[in-house]
């Protein structure tokens, strides 16, 4: 079941770096920014991760936790996280369960071949586990600031 705006998230289970087990109830009382990206150690994904890293304290101050999601395995995530000194966890969605649940797996053309890839997307979940915002097919430039603005508005509304 795909999450819908202003509806509670369906049940799910995922594992993140640091051995963290994640489900809809994990972060009750705290907003979550869940961002999906195509691949660790690639230029656009590195830039996006660094922008979330650089604004991390602002997100925490606004009451939100950041989680990155890709299909990479845990070893790749741990290395990516260490290399970029990311202060947030990364979910290894190797079986694409979360990717399919959020509808971010799309047909893409890479080097002239059709492939299934992750569409860069971000979702904002409120402290009660309800989906409050989504950005799909985003461009990295300016995106983190836009999400932070939405988190701040969410905090004001609470």
Protein backbone atom coordinates (compact mmCIF):
# COMPACT_ATOMS: atom_id res chain seq x y z
CA UNK A 1 0.00 0.00 0.00
CA UNK A 2 1.51 3.32 -1.08
CA UNK A 3 1.49 6.02 1.60
CA UNK A 4 -0.87 8.93 0.92
CA UNK A 5 -0.64 12.55 2.06
CA UNK A 6 -2.39 13.13 5.41
CA UNK A 7 -2.72 9.38 6.06
CA UNK A 8 -0.75 7.27 8.58
CA UNK A 9 2.11 5.22 7.14
CA UNK A 10 1.40 1.54 6.56
CA UNK A 11 3.36 -1.02 8.58
CA UNK A 12 6.91 -1.65 7.41
CA UNK A 13 10.21 -2.86 8.77
CA UNK A 14 13.70 -1.84 7.67
CA UNK A 15 17.29 -1.99 8.90
CA UNK A 16 19.66 0.97 8.88
CA UNK A 17 23.30 1.65 9.57
CA UNK A 18 24.27 1.30 13.21
CA UNK A 19 22.05 -1.81 13.45
CA UNK A 20 18.94 0.36 13.80
CA UNK A 21 15.60 -1.39 13.20
CA UNK A 22 13.02 0.96 11.74
CA UNK A 23 9.23 0.86 11.49
CA UNK A 24 6.39 3.40 11.60
CA UNK A 25 6.39 3.40 15.42
CA UNK A 26 10.14 3.91 15.79
CA UNK A 27 10.02 7.68 15.79
CA UNK A 28 6.67 8.59 17.30
CA UNK A 29 7.02 12.05 18.77
CA UNK A 30 9.53 13.14 16.13
CA UNK A 31 9.12 14.18 12.49
CA UNK A 32 11.07 12.14 9.94
CA UNK A 33 12.55 13.21 6.62
CA UNK A 34 12.87 10.05 4.55
CA UNK A 35 14.88 10.68 1.40
CA UNK A 36 15.36 8.12 -1.36
CA UNK A 37 18.39 8.34 -3.60
CA UNK A 38 19.71 6.18 -6.46
CA UNK A 39 23.19 5.04 -5.33
CA UNK A 40 25.94 5.53 -2.75
CA UNK A 41 29.20 7.15 -3.92
CA UNK A 42 27.73 8.81 -7.04
CA UNK A 43 28.00 12.58 -7.70
CA UNK A 44 24.35 13.66 -7.27
CA UNK A 45 23.74 11.38 -4.30
CA UNK A 46 26.96 12.51 -2.61
CA UNK A 47 25.97 16.16 -3.07
CA UNK A 48 22.48 15.53 -1.69
CA UNK A 49 23.80 13.62 1.33
CA UNK A 50 26.32 16.40 2.07
CA UNK A 51 23.58 19.04 1.88
CA UNK A 52 21.42 17.10 4.36
CA UNK A 53 24.54 16.65 6.52
CA UNK A 54 25.37 20.35 6.43
CA UNK A 55 21.83 21.34 7.51
CA UNK A 56 21.43 18.43 9.96
CA UNK A 57 21.51 20.62 13.10
CA UNK A 58 18.78 22.83 11.59
CA UNK A 59 16.59 19.76 11.00
CA UNK A 60 17.18 18.51 14.56
CA UNK A 61 16.40 21.98 15.96
CA UNK A 62 13.15 21.93 13.94
CA UNK A 63 12.30 18.53 15.49
CA UNK A 64 13.07 16.22 12.56
CA UNK A 65 15.20 13.16 12.06
CA UNK A 66 16.76 12.44 8.64
CA UNK A 67 17.00 8.96 7.11
CA UNK A 68 18.46 8.19 3.69
CA UNK A 69 17.25 5.16 1.69
CA UNK A 70 18.76 3.37 -1.30
CA UNK A 71 19.08 -0.17 -2.62
CA UNK A 72 22.75 -0.35 -1.64
CA UNK A 73 23.81 -2.93 0.92
CA UNK A 74 24.83 -2.19 4.50
CA UNK A 75 28.60 -2.35 3.79
CA UNK A 76 28.24 0.27 1.04
CA UNK A 77 26.08 2.44 3.33
CA UNK A 78 28.53 2.22 6.24
CA UNK A 79 31.40 3.28 3.93
CA UNK A 80 29.34 6.11 2.36
CA UNK A 81 28.28 7.32 5.81
CA UNK A 82 31.87 7.23 7.13
CA UNK A 83 33.39 8.90 4.04
CA UNK A 84 30.94 11.82 4.20
CA UNK A 85 30.74 11.91 8.02
CA UNK A 86 26.94 11.69 7.85
CA UNK A 87 25.30 12.27 11.27
CA UNK A 88 22.15 10.36 10.23
CA UNK A 89 21.44 6.72 9.41
CA UNK A 90 21.00 5.12 5.98
CA UNK A 91 18.47 2.37 5.30
CA UNK A 92 19.65 -0.55 3.18
CA UNK A 93 16.59 -1.42 1.11
CA UNK A 94 18.26 -4.22 -0.85
CA UNK A 95 14.94 -5.99 -1.48
CA UNK A 96 13.30 -2.71 -2.57
CA UNK A 97 10.42 -3.11 -0.09
CA UNK A 98 10.41 0.56 0.99
CA UNK A 99 11.20 1.73 -2.56
CA UNK A 100 8.13 -0.07 -3.90
CA UNK A 101 5.98 0.95 -0.94
CA UNK A 102 6.73 4.63 -1.61
CA UNK A 103 6.53 4.16 -5.39
CA UNK A 104 10.02 5.46 -6.16
CA UNK A 105 11.21 2.65 -8.47
CA UNK A 106 10.94 3.98 -12.02
CA UNK A 107 12.01 2.98 -15.49
CA UNK A 108 15.03 5.03 -16.52
CA UNK A 109 17.35 5.16 -19.49
CA UNK A 110 21.01 4.82 -18.60
CA UNK A 111 23.64 4.80 -21.30
CA UNK A 112 20.92 4.00 -23.83
CA UNK A 113 19.55 1.00 -21.88
CA UNK A 114 16.26 0.74 -20.00
CA UNK A 115 16.86 0.08 -16.32
CA UNK A 116 14.80 0.23 -13.15
CA UNK A 117 16.17 2.88 -10.85
CA UNK A 118 15.22 4.97 -7.87
CA UNK A 119 13.62 8.32 -8.59
CA UNK A 120 15.18 10.86 -6.21
CA UNK A 121 12.32 11.58 -3.78
CA UNK A 122 11.78 12.88 -0.26
CA UNK A 123 8.92 12.29 2.17
CA UNK A 124 8.04 14.19 5.33
CA UNK A 125 6.37 12.20 8.10
CA UNK A 126 4.98 14.00 11.15
CA UNK A 127 5.52 13.04 14.80
CA UNK A 128 2.35 10.92 14.73
CA UNK A 129 3.48 8.79 11.77
CA UNK A 130 1.33 10.58 9.15
CA UNK A 131 2.73 11.48 5.73
CA UNK A 132 2.65 15.30 5.44
CA UNK A 133 4.74 16.07 2.39
CA UNK A 134 6.34 14.50 -0.65
CA UNK A 135 8.74 15.67 -3.32
CA UNK A 136 9.22 13.36 -6.30
CA UNK A 137 11.72 13.47 -9.14
CA UNK A 138 13.57 16.31 -7.46
CA UNK A 139 16.71 18.16 -8.46
CA UNK A 140 19.36 18.35 -5.75
CA UNK A 141 19.93 22.13 -5.91
CA UNK A 142 17.80 23.94 -3.32
CA UNK A 143 15.90 20.82 -2.31
CA UNK A 144 17.23 20.50 1.25
CA UNK A 145 16.24 24.10 2.04
CA UNK A 146 12.73 23.46 0.70
CA UNK A 147 12.34 20.37 2.91
CA UNK A 148 13.67 22.24 5.95
CA UNK A 149 11.11 25.00 5.37
CA UNK A 150 8.34 22.36 5.33
CA UNK A 151 9.66 20.82 8.56
CA UNK A 152 9.60 24.23 10.26
CA UNK A 153 6.02 24.83 9.09
CA UNK A 154 5.04 21.41 10.40
CA UNK A 155 6.53 22.26 13.81
CA UNK A 156 4.57 25.55 13.91
CA UNK A 157 1.34 23.74 13.06
CA UNK A 158 1.86 21.17 15.83
